[in-house]
C-alpha atoms as a PDB file:
ATOM      1  CA  UNK A   1      95.912 101.790 114.387  1.00  0.00           C
ATOM      2  CA  UNK A   2      92.298 100.837 113.710  1.00  0.00           C
ATOM      3  CA  UNK A   3      91.393  98.682 110.696  1.00  0.00           C
ATOM      4  CA  UNK A   4      89.479 101.404 108.821  1.00  0.00           C
ATOM      5  CA  UNK A   5      92.259 103.915 109.541  1.00  0.00           C
ATOM      6  CA  UNK A   6      94.811 101.500 108.101  1.00  0.00           C
ATOM      7  CA  UNK A   7      92.589 100.949 105.069  1.00  0.00           C
ATOM      8  CA  UNK A   8      92.258 104.691 104.492  1.00  0.00           C
ATOM      9  CA  UNK A   9      96.000 105.185 104.828  1.00  0.00           C
ATOM     10  CA  UNK A  10      96.675 102.316 102.413  1.00  0.00           C
ATOM     11  CA  UNK A  11      94.213 103.833  99.926  1.00  0.00           C
ATOM     12  CA  UNK A  12      96.098 107.144 100.207  1.00  0.00           C
ATOM     13  CA  UNK A  13      99.436 105.419  99.684  1.00  0.00           C
ATOM     14  CA  UNK A  14      98.112 103.461  96.692  1.00  0.00           C
ATOM     15  CA  UNK A  15      96.664 106.590  95.110  1.00  0.00           C
ATOM     16  CA  UNK A  16      99.916 108.457  95.678  1.00  0.00           C
ATOM     17  CA  UNK A  17     101.975 105.616  94.194  1.00  0.00           C
ATOM     18  CA  UNK A  18      99.648 105.124  91.228  1.00  0.00           C
ATOM     19  CA  UNK A  19      99.822 108.815  90.369  1.00  0.00           C
ATOM     20  CA  UNK A  20     103.617 108.950  90.789  1.00  0.00           C
ATOM     21  CA  UNK A  21     104.170 105.844  88.659  1.00  0.00           C
ATOM     22  CA  UNK A  22     101.364 106.660  86.194  1.00  0.00           C
ATOM     23  CA  UNK A  23      99.672 103.299  86.738  1.00  0.00           C
ATOM     24  CA  UNK A  24      96.268 102.229  88.057  1.00  0.00           C
ATOM     25  CA  UNK A  25      95.635 101.547  91.714  1.00  0.00           C
ATOM     26  CA  UNK A  26      94.936  97.954  90.729  1.00  0.00           C
ATOM     27  CA  UNK A  27      98.518  97.744  89.418  1.00  0.00           C
ATOM     28  CA  UNK A  28      99.709  98.958  92.814  1.00  0.00           C
ATOM     29  CA  UNK A  29      97.569  96.453  94.689  1.00  0.00           C
ATOM     30  CA  UNK A  30      98.631  93.619  92.369  1.00  0.00           C
ATOM     31  CA  UNK A  31     102.175  94.132  93.662  1.00  0.00           C
ATOM     32  CA  UNK A  32     100.905  93.736  97.240  1.00  0.00           C
ATOM     33  CA  UNK A  33      97.709  91.686  97.209  1.00  0.00           C
ATOM     34  CA  UNK A  34      97.529  91.397 101.019  1.00  0.00           C
ATOM     35  CA  UNK A  35      95.421  94.519 101.477  1.00  0.00           C
ATOM     36  CA  UNK A  36      92.147  95.324 103.202  1.00  0.00           C
ATOM     37  CA  UNK A  37      89.055  95.297 100.950  1.00  0.00           C
ATOM     38  CA  UNK A  38      88.046  98.760 102.147  1.00  0.00           C
ATOM     39  CA  UNK A  39      91.426 100.163 101.028  1.00  0.00           C
ATOM     40  CA  UNK A  40      90.842  98.767  97.544  1.00  0.00           C
ATOM     41  CA  UNK A  41      87.255 100.031  97.516  1.00  0.00           C
ATOM     42  CA  UNK A  42      88.334 103.573  98.445  1.00  0.00           C
ATOM     43  CA  UNK A  43      91.290 103.679  96.055  1.00  0.00           C
ATOM     44  CA  UNK A  44      89.142 102.477  93.154  1.00  0.00           C
ATOM     45  CA  UNK A  45      86.388 104.928  94.126  1.00  0.00           C
ATOM     46  CA  UNK A  46      88.931 107.763  93.916  1.00  0.00           C
ATOM     47  CA  UNK A  47      90.332 106.510  90.623  1.00  0.00           C
ATOM     48  CA  UNK A  48      86.901 106.097  89.032  1.00  0.00           C
ATOM     49  CA  UNK A  49      85.685 109.510  90.210  1.00  0.00           C
ATOM     50  CA  UNK A  50      88.893 111.531  90.054  1.00  0.00           C
ATOM     51  CA  UNK A  51      87.444 114.282  87.836  1.00  0.00           C
ATOM     52  CA  UNK A  52      84.489 114.899  90.158  1.00  0.00           C
ATOM     53  CA  UNK A  53      86.697 114.754  93.264  1.00  0.00           C
ATOM     54  CA  UNK A  54      89.233 117.168  91.761  1.00  0.00           C
ATOM     55  CA  UNK A  55      86.388 119.468  90.769  1.00  0.00           C
ATOM     56  CA  UNK A  56      85.354 119.563  94.441  1.00  0.00           C
ATOM     57  CA  UNK A  57      88.956 120.328  95.432  1.00  0.00           C
ATOM     58  CA  UNK A  58      89.185 123.115  92.886  1.00  0.00           C
ATOM     59  CA  UNK A  59      85.847 124.544  94.030  1.00  0.00           C
ATOM     60  CA  UNK A  60      86.414 124.443  97.796  1.00  0.00           C
ATOM     61  CA  UNK A  61      90.198 124.821  98.172  1.00  0.00           C
ATOM     62  CA  UNK A  62      90.059 128.623  97.940  1.00  0.00           C
ATOM     63  CA  UNK A  63      92.540 129.436  95.179  1.00  0.00           C
ATOM     64  CA  UNK A  64      94.617 126.307  95.714  1.00  0.00           C
ATOM     65  CA  UNK A  65      93.724 123.876  92.900  1.00  0.00           C
ATOM     66  CA  UNK A  66      94.452 120.172  93.055  1.00  0.00           C
ATOM     67  CA  UNK A  67      97.421 120.394  90.689  1.00  0.00           C
ATOM     68  CA  UNK A  68      99.175 122.867  93.033  1.00  0.00           C
ATOM     69  CA  UNK A  69      98.783 120.692  96.126  1.00  0.00           C
ATOM     70  CA  UNK A  70     101.640 118.494  97.314  1.00  0.00           C
ATOM     71  CA  UNK A  71     101.003 114.998  95.943  1.00  0.00           C
ATOM     72  CA  UNK A  72     100.613 113.371  99.350  1.00  0.00           C
ATOM     73  CA  UNK A  73      98.099 116.009 100.470  1.00  0.00           C
ATOM     74  CA  UNK A  74      96.190 115.574  97.225  1.00  0.00           C
ATOM     75  CA  UNK A  75      96.021 111.808  97.825  1.00  0.00           C
ATOM     76  CA  UNK A  76      94.792 112.325 101.405  1.00  0.00           C
ATOM     77  CA  UNK A  77      92.128 114.809 100.337  1.00  0.00           C
ATOM     78  CA  UNK A  78      90.970 112.630  97.448  1.00  0.00           C
ATOM     79  CA  UNK A  79      90.343 109.637  99.725  1.00  0.00           C
ATOM     80  CA  UNK A  80      88.511 111.772 102.289  1.00  0.00           C
ATOM     81  CA  UNK A  81      86.421 113.409  99.573  1.00  0.00           C
ATOM     82  CA  UNK A  82      85.562 110.014  98.105  1.00  0.00           C
ATOM     83  CA  UNK A  83      84.055 109.118 101.458  1.00  0.00           C
ATOM     84  CA  UNK A  84      82.345 112.489 101.915  1.00  0.00           C
ATOM     85  CA  UNK A  85      80.831 112.568  98.432  1.00  0.00           C
ATOM     86  CA  UNK A  86      80.114 108.914  97.670  1.00  0.00           C
ATOM     87  CA  UNK A  87      79.777 107.116 101.016  1.00  0.00           C
ATOM     88  CA  UNK A  88      76.906 108.768 102.860  1.00  0.00           C
ATOM     89  CA  UNK A  89      77.055 106.101 105.560  1.00  0.00           C
ATOM     90  CA  UNK A  90      80.436 107.483 106.690  1.00  0.00           C
ATOM     91  CA  UNK A  91      80.005 110.333 109.139  1.00  0.00           C
ATOM     92  CA  UNK A  92      81.679 113.521 107.883  1.00  0.00           C
ATOM     93  CA  UNK A  93      83.504 114.061 111.173  1.00  0.00           C
ATOM     94  CA  UNK A  94      84.986 110.567 110.936  1.00  0.00           C
ATOM     95  CA  UNK A  95      86.213 111.081 107.364  1.00  0.00           C
ATOM     96  CA  UNK A  96      87.763 114.418 108.337  1.00  0.00           C
ATOM     97  CA  UNK A  97      89.411 113.234 111.551  1.00  0.00           C
ATOM     98  CA  UNK A  98      90.812 110.165 109.799  1.00  0.00           C
ATOM     99  CA  UNK A  99      92.247 112.364 107.022  1.00  0.00           C
ATOM    100  CA  UNK A 100      93.851 114.598 109.642  1.00  0.00           C
ATOM    101  CA  UNK A 101      95.310 111.597 111.439  1.00  0.00           C
ATOM    102  CA  UNK A 102      96.803 110.330 108.171  1.00  0.00           C
ATOM    103  CA  UNK A 103      98.106 113.811 107.344  1.00  0.00           C
ATOM    104  CA  UNK A 104      99.790 113.874 110.763  1.00  0.00           C
ATOM    105  CA  UNK A 105     101.681 110.736 109.810  1.00  0.00           C
ATOM    106  CA  UNK A 106     102.386 111.384 106.120  1.00  0.00           C
ATOM    107  CA  UNK A 107     102.488 115.166 105.770  1.00  0.00           C
ATOM    108  CA  UNK A 108     103.129 118.400 107.678  1.00  0.00           C
ATOM    109  CA  UNK A 109     101.273 120.342 110.395  1.00  0.00           C
ATOM    110  CA  UNK A 110     100.558 123.100 107.865  1.00  0.00           C
ATOM    111  CA  UNK A 111      98.980 120.541 105.575  1.00  0.00           C
ATOM    112  CA  UNK A 112      96.679 119.384 108.347  1.00  0.00           C
ATOM    113  CA  UNK A 113      95.299 122.915 108.746  1.00  0.00           C
ATOM    114  CA  UNK A 114      94.679 123.231 104.999  1.00  0.00           C
ATOM    115  CA  UNK A 115      93.118 119.764 104.752  1.00  0.00           C
ATOM    116  CA  UNK A 116      90.861 120.445 107.738  1.00  0.00           C
ATOM    117  CA  UNK A 117      89.594 123.693 106.219  1.00  0.00           C
ATOM    118  CA  UNK A 118      88.989 122.185 102.797  1.00  0.00           C
ATOM    119  CA  UNK A 119      87.212 119.096 104.094  1.00  0.00           C
ATOM    120  CA  UNK A 120      85.166 121.187 106.517  1.00  0.00           C
ATOM    121  CA  UNK A 121      83.894 123.351 103.656  1.00  0.00           C
ATOM    122  CA  UNK A 122      82.982 120.256 101.643  1.00  0.00           C
ATOM    123  CA  UNK A 123      81.264 118.628 104.629  1.00  0.00           C
ATOM    124  CA  UNK A 124      78.966 121.638 104.938  1.00  0.00           C
ATOM    125  CA  UNK A 125      77.964 121.248 101.288  1.00  0.00           C
ATOM    126  CA  UNK A 126      78.053 117.437 101.309  1.00  0.00           C
ATOM    127  CA  UNK A 127      74.412 116.883 100.434  1.00  0.00           C
ATOM    128  CA  UNK A 128      74.505 119.174  97.385  1.00  0.00           C
ATOM    129  CA  UNK A 129      77.756 117.938  95.823  1.00  0.00           C
END
C-alpha cells in the first residue's frame, strides 16, 4: 500500500475511533504516535471542519444525511471530502479512487457505489463549495 493511501486510511480509522470514543483525533494519535504526518493533517482537517464537511454530505448525498450513514462510511467520506474541499492540490480523481480503495478494505461493495456517487457529485461542484 502506498504511503499516501496508508495515511488516508489511518486518518479514516482515527476519525472513526475518535467519533466512537467521543474523543479528539489527537487523543487517538497520542495513543499511537508513530503515524504519518499526512494522516494527522487529514484527520485534524476533518475534525476542524466537520460542520462544513457534513453540510456537503447532507447536500450531495441525495436524501442520505451524514447521521444515517454507517460510521465507517461517514469517516471515509469525511476524509475524501476534506481533500476535495480544502486541498486543491489533490486531484479529485485521486481522492475519489483512494476513498474507494479504502472502502473496499473497510466497508462493503454497496458502500463503494454510494461513496463513488457522492464524491463524484461533490467533485463536479468542487470549485464552488
